[in-house]
Structures are given as C-alpha cells and as structure tokens.
C-alpha cells in the first residue's frame, strides 16, 4: 500500500486572501496600533510616532532577513540582549575566604599509578625505538 508523503510542509496556508494567518494578524495589529496612535495624538505627532510602529508591524508580517522571518530575528536579538553572556577572555579572580582553609583532595586509594624510575623509562624508550625500526 502506498502512502502519500506531504510536500512543502514549511509553506503556510493562505487563509485571508493572499495572506497567511500570521501575516493577517501582524498587519491587523499594526493597523490597530496606528489607528490608536492617530486617534490619541495630533496628526503631526501621530505620523512621527505611528509610522515606525506600522513599519515594524509590516516588517514582522512580510520582511525576511537571511531567508528567515523577521519575527525570528527580533526574537533572537531580544534573547541575546537579555540573556547572560559568558566572556571567556574576561576571567574573574577567585575570591579566597580567609576563614575557610582549602581542603586538600586525598588521592583515591583504588587508583594506582606506578612510579617509573629513570632506568625504567630508558628501557621503555629503547624498546619502543627497536620496535619502530623493525616495523619500518
């Protein structure tokens, strides 16, 4: 039995004429905010204040930055400006509490590391050199 695989799943449906639901809501919100600003302020001030607001809402609805919706760009910039930032190159000095002495970490008794003397190291390096020469 064959199944139909959906195509173009990232394309949104056009609900209100040529507009998707998101585009319609952004343009309606921009028009409503522009109308509210126009009704509250005198005409000259309303144009100065309302034009950037309406342009912002139109950008939310239609503008794509790097082939991604402008909403995602605004969301990412807000997250960046409000989020914590870790600067590796700006190291903060550790504050030492004089009342509390540092506790030494005791070695794990289950972990045994053999101590090699100079003669053992020389023997090991000599045997490795011999093995390398034989394999070449």
C-alpha atoms as a PDB file:
ATOM      1  CA  UNK A   1       0.000   0.000   0.000  1.00  0.00           C
ATOM      2  CA  UNK A   2       1.354   3.430  -0.934  1.00  0.00           C
ATOM      3  CA  UNK A   3       1.226   6.372   1.404  1.00  0.00           C
ATOM      4  CA  UNK A   4       1.146   9.981   0.368  1.00  0.00           C
ATOM      5  CA  UNK A   5       4.096  11.968   1.696  1.00  0.00           C
ATOM      6  CA  UNK A   6       3.268  15.628   2.378  1.00  0.00           C
ATOM      7  CA  UNK A   7       5.179  18.092   0.208  1.00  0.00           C
ATOM      8  CA  UNK A   8       6.203  21.657   1.089  1.00  0.00           C
ATOM      9  CA  UNK A   9       5.409  21.371   4.796  1.00  0.00           C
ATOM     10  CA  UNK A  10       7.203  24.645   5.591  1.00  0.00           C
ATOM     11  CA  UNK A  11       4.792  26.654   3.392  1.00  0.00           C
ATOM     12  CA  UNK A  12       1.887  28.077   5.396  1.00  0.00           C
ATOM     13  CA  UNK A  13      -1.678  28.056   4.087  1.00  0.00           C
ATOM     14  CA  UNK A  14      -3.137  31.279   2.714  1.00  0.00           C
ATOM     15  CA  UNK A  15      -6.276  31.866   4.780  1.00  0.00           C
ATOM     16  CA  UNK A  16      -7.160  35.549   4.282  1.00  0.00           C
ATOM     17  CA  UNK A  17      -6.783  36.084   0.545  1.00  0.00           C
ATOM     18  CA  UNK A  18      -3.048  36.283  -0.232  1.00  0.00           C
ATOM     19  CA  UNK A  19      -2.119  36.445   3.487  1.00  0.00           C
ATOM     20  CA  UNK A  20      -1.360  33.698   5.954  1.00  0.00           C
ATOM     21  CA  UNK A  21      -2.872  33.829   9.426  1.00  0.00           C
ATOM     22  CA  UNK A  22       0.321  35.281  10.958  1.00  0.00           C
ATOM     23  CA  UNK A  23       0.637  37.937   8.262  1.00  0.00           C
ATOM     24  CA  UNK A  24      -3.000  38.904   8.700  1.00  0.00           C
ATOM     25  CA  UNK A  25      -2.649  39.202  12.483  1.00  0.00           C
ATOM     26  CA  UNK A  26       0.532  41.298  12.211  1.00  0.00           C
ATOM     27  CA  UNK A  27      -0.998  43.677   9.646  1.00  0.00           C
ATOM     28  CA  UNK A  28      -4.225  43.930  11.668  1.00  0.00           C
ATOM     29  CA  UNK A  29      -2.203  44.654  14.825  1.00  0.00           C
ATOM     30  CA  UNK A  30      -0.153  47.278  13.011  1.00  0.00           C
ATOM     31  CA  UNK A  31      -3.272  48.927  11.589  1.00  0.00           C
ATOM     32  CA  UNK A  32      -4.962  48.887  15.008  1.00  0.00           C
ATOM     33  CA  UNK A  33      -1.931  50.367  16.765  1.00  0.00           C
ATOM     34  CA  UNK A  34      -1.603  53.016  14.040  1.00  0.00           C
ATOM     35  CA  UNK A  35      -5.277  53.921  14.434  1.00  0.00           C
ATOM     36  CA  UNK A  36      -4.948  54.153  18.225  1.00  0.00           C
ATOM     37  CA  UNK A  37      -1.890  56.400  17.917  1.00  0.00           C
ATOM     38  CA  UNK A  38      -3.659  58.557  15.295  1.00  0.00           C
ATOM     39  CA  UNK A  39      -6.753  58.944  17.497  1.00  0.00           C
ATOM     40  CA  UNK A  40      -4.785  59.855  20.649  1.00  0.00           C
ATOM     41  CA  UNK A  41      -2.148  62.272  19.292  1.00  0.00           C
ATOM     42  CA  UNK A  42      -2.388  65.247  16.929  1.00  0.00           C
ATOM     43  CA  UNK A  43      -1.791  64.439  13.261  1.00  0.00           C
ATOM     44  CA  UNK A  44       1.833  65.618  13.054  1.00  0.00           C
ATOM     45  CA  UNK A  45       2.935  63.716  16.181  1.00  0.00           C
ATOM     46  CA  UNK A  46       0.837  60.690  15.205  1.00  0.00           C
ATOM     47  CA  UNK A  47       2.692  60.426  11.903  1.00  0.00           C
ATOM     48  CA  UNK A  48       6.074  60.696  13.639  1.00  0.00           C
ATOM     49  CA  UNK A  49       5.198  58.068  16.270  1.00  0.00           C
ATOM     50  CA  UNK A  50       2.877  55.864  14.207  1.00  0.00           C
ATOM     51  CA  UNK A  51       4.998  55.437  11.074  1.00  0.00           C
ATOM     52  CA  UNK A  52       7.795  53.434  12.768  1.00  0.00           C
ATOM     53  CA  UNK A  53       5.230  51.306  14.612  1.00  0.00           C
ATOM     54  CA  UNK A  54       3.326  50.479  11.420  1.00  0.00           C
ATOM     55  CA  UNK A  55       6.576  49.833   9.517  1.00  0.00           C
ATOM     56  CA  UNK A  56       7.720  47.491  12.303  1.00  0.00           C
ATOM     57  CA  UNK A  57       4.475  45.503  12.119  1.00  0.00           C
ATOM     58  CA  UNK A  58       4.697  45.329   8.317  1.00  0.00           C
ATOM     59  CA  UNK A  59       8.273  44.066   8.641  1.00  0.00           C
ATOM     60  CA  UNK A  60       7.061  41.403  11.071  1.00  0.00           C
ATOM     61  CA  UNK A  61       4.482  40.323   8.516  1.00  0.00           C
ATOM     62  CA  UNK A  62       6.420  40.409   5.240  1.00  0.00           C
ATOM     63  CA  UNK A  63      10.177  41.032   5.594  1.00  0.00           C
ATOM     64  CA  UNK A  64      12.620  38.109   5.518  1.00  0.00           C
ATOM     65  CA  UNK A  65      16.168  38.515   6.795  1.00  0.00           C
ATOM     66  CA  UNK A  66      18.575  35.779   5.618  1.00  0.00           C
ATOM     67  CA  UNK A  67      15.579  33.796   4.297  1.00  0.00           C
ATOM     68  CA  UNK A  68      14.083  33.638   7.786  1.00  0.00           C
ATOM     69  CA  UNK A  69      11.066  35.587   9.039  1.00  0.00           C
ATOM     70  CA  UNK A  70      11.821  38.918  10.706  1.00  0.00           C
ATOM     71  CA  UNK A  71       9.995  37.685  13.829  1.00  0.00           C
ATOM     72  CA  UNK A  72      12.740  35.134  14.451  1.00  0.00           C
ATOM     73  CA  UNK A  73      15.408  37.843  14.087  1.00  0.00           C
ATOM     74  CA  UNK A  74      13.625  40.064  16.617  1.00  0.00           C
ATOM     75  CA  UNK A  75      13.143  37.126  18.993  1.00  0.00           C
ATOM     76  CA  UNK A  76      16.815  36.112  18.778  1.00  0.00           C
ATOM     77  CA  UNK A  77      18.022  39.669  19.323  1.00  0.00           C
ATOM     78  CA  UNK A  78      15.834  40.053  22.424  1.00  0.00           C
ATOM     79  CA  UNK A  79      17.149  36.751  23.798  1.00  0.00           C
ATOM     80  CA  UNK A  80      20.717  37.893  23.145  1.00  0.00           C
ATOM     81  CA  UNK A  81      20.343  41.290  24.805  1.00  0.00           C
ATOM     82  CA  UNK A  82      18.503  39.946  27.854  1.00  0.00           C
ATOM     83  CA  UNK A  83      20.426  36.679  28.262  1.00  0.00           C
ATOM     84  CA  UNK A  84      23.543  36.003  30.281  1.00  0.00           C
ATOM     85  CA  UNK A  85      26.820  36.279  28.440  1.00  0.00           C
ATOM     86  CA  UNK A  86      29.957  34.306  29.238  1.00  0.00           C
ATOM     87  CA  UNK A  87      33.163  36.069  28.276  1.00  0.00           C
ATOM     88  CA  UNK A  88      35.981  33.547  28.403  1.00  0.00           C
ATOM     89  CA  UNK A  89      38.703  36.181  27.985  1.00  0.00           C
ATOM     90  CA  UNK A  90      37.457  38.251  30.948  1.00  0.00           C
ATOM     91  CA  UNK A  91      38.361  35.966  33.799  1.00  0.00           C
ATOM     92  CA  UNK A  92      37.105  36.949  37.223  1.00  0.00           C
ATOM     93  CA  UNK A  93      39.627  36.427  40.035  1.00  0.00           C
ATOM     94  CA  UNK A  94      38.551  33.850  42.563  1.00  0.00           C
ATOM     95  CA  UNK A  95      37.712  35.254  45.954  1.00  0.00           C
ATOM     96  CA  UNK A  96      39.527  33.440  48.746  1.00  0.00           C
ATOM     97  CA  UNK A  97      37.770  33.258  52.089  1.00  0.00           C
ATOM     98  CA  UNK A  98      40.469  33.650  54.785  1.00  0.00           C
ATOM     99  CA  UNK A  99      38.309  31.953  57.420  1.00  0.00           C
ATOM    100  CA  UNK A 100      37.920  28.760  55.458  1.00  0.00           C
ATOM    101  CA  UNK A 101      41.138  26.862  54.693  1.00  0.00           C
ATOM    102  CA  UNK A 102      41.240  24.901  51.467  1.00  0.00           C
ATOM    103  CA  UNK A 103      40.766  21.199  51.880  1.00  0.00           C
ATOM    104  CA  UNK A 104      43.333  19.030  50.192  1.00  0.00           C
ATOM    105  CA  UNK A 105      41.959  16.355  47.985  1.00  0.00           C
ATOM    106  CA  UNK A 106      43.144  12.954  49.058  1.00  0.00           C
ATOM    107  CA  UNK A 107      44.264  10.554  46.379  1.00  0.00           C
ATOM    108  CA  UNK A 108      41.902   7.761  45.523  1.00  0.00           C
ATOM    109  CA  UNK A 109      43.320   4.582  47.105  1.00  0.00           C
ATOM    110  CA  UNK A 110      41.745   2.469  44.333  1.00  0.00           C
ATOM    111  CA  UNK A 111      43.721   4.287  41.638  1.00  0.00           C
ATOM    112  CA  UNK A 112      47.295   3.009  41.490  1.00  0.00           C
ATOM    113  CA  UNK A 113      49.811   4.848  39.345  1.00  0.00           C
ATOM    114  CA  UNK A 114      53.211   3.149  39.254  1.00  0.00           C
ATOM    115  CA  UNK A 115      56.243   5.357  39.648  1.00  0.00           C
ATOM    116  CA  UNK A 116      58.821   4.863  36.930  1.00  0.00           C
ATOM    117  CA  UNK A 117      62.484   5.422  37.588  1.00  0.00           C
ATOM    118  CA  UNK A 118      64.894   6.869  35.029  1.00  0.00           C
ATOM    119  CA  UNK A 119      66.300   3.461  34.166  1.00  0.00           C
ATOM    120  CA  UNK A 120      62.835   2.022  33.534  1.00  0.00           C
ATOM    121  CA  UNK A 121      61.994   4.974  31.266  1.00  0.00           C
ATOM    122  CA  UNK A 122      65.219   4.498  29.297  1.00  0.00           C
ATOM    123  CA  UNK A 123      64.495   0.786  28.850  1.00  0.00           C
ATOM    124  CA  UNK A 124      60.967   1.519  27.698  1.00  0.00           C
ATOM    125  CA  UNK A 125      62.070   4.173  25.192  1.00  0.00           C
ATOM    126  CA  UNK A 126      64.823   1.859  23.886  1.00  0.00           C
ATOM    127  CA  UNK A 127      62.355  -0.996  23.371  1.00  0.00           C
ATOM    128  CA  UNK A 128      59.931   1.328  21.577  1.00  0.00           C
ATOM    129  CA  UNK A 129      62.732   2.578  19.311  1.00  0.00           C
ATOM    130  CA  UNK A 130      63.647  -1.001  18.437  1.00  0.00           C
ATOM    131  CA  UNK A 131      60.003  -1.859  17.646  1.00  0.00           C
ATOM    132  CA  UNK A 132      59.687   1.190  15.370  1.00  0.00           C
ATOM    133  CA  UNK A 133      62.868   0.316  13.471  1.00  0.00           C
ATOM    134  CA  UNK A 134      61.724  -3.276  12.983  1.00  0.00           C
ATOM    135  CA  UNK A 135      58.314  -2.203  11.668  1.00  0.00           C
ATOM    136  CA  UNK A 136      59.759   0.291   9.145  1.00  0.00           C
END
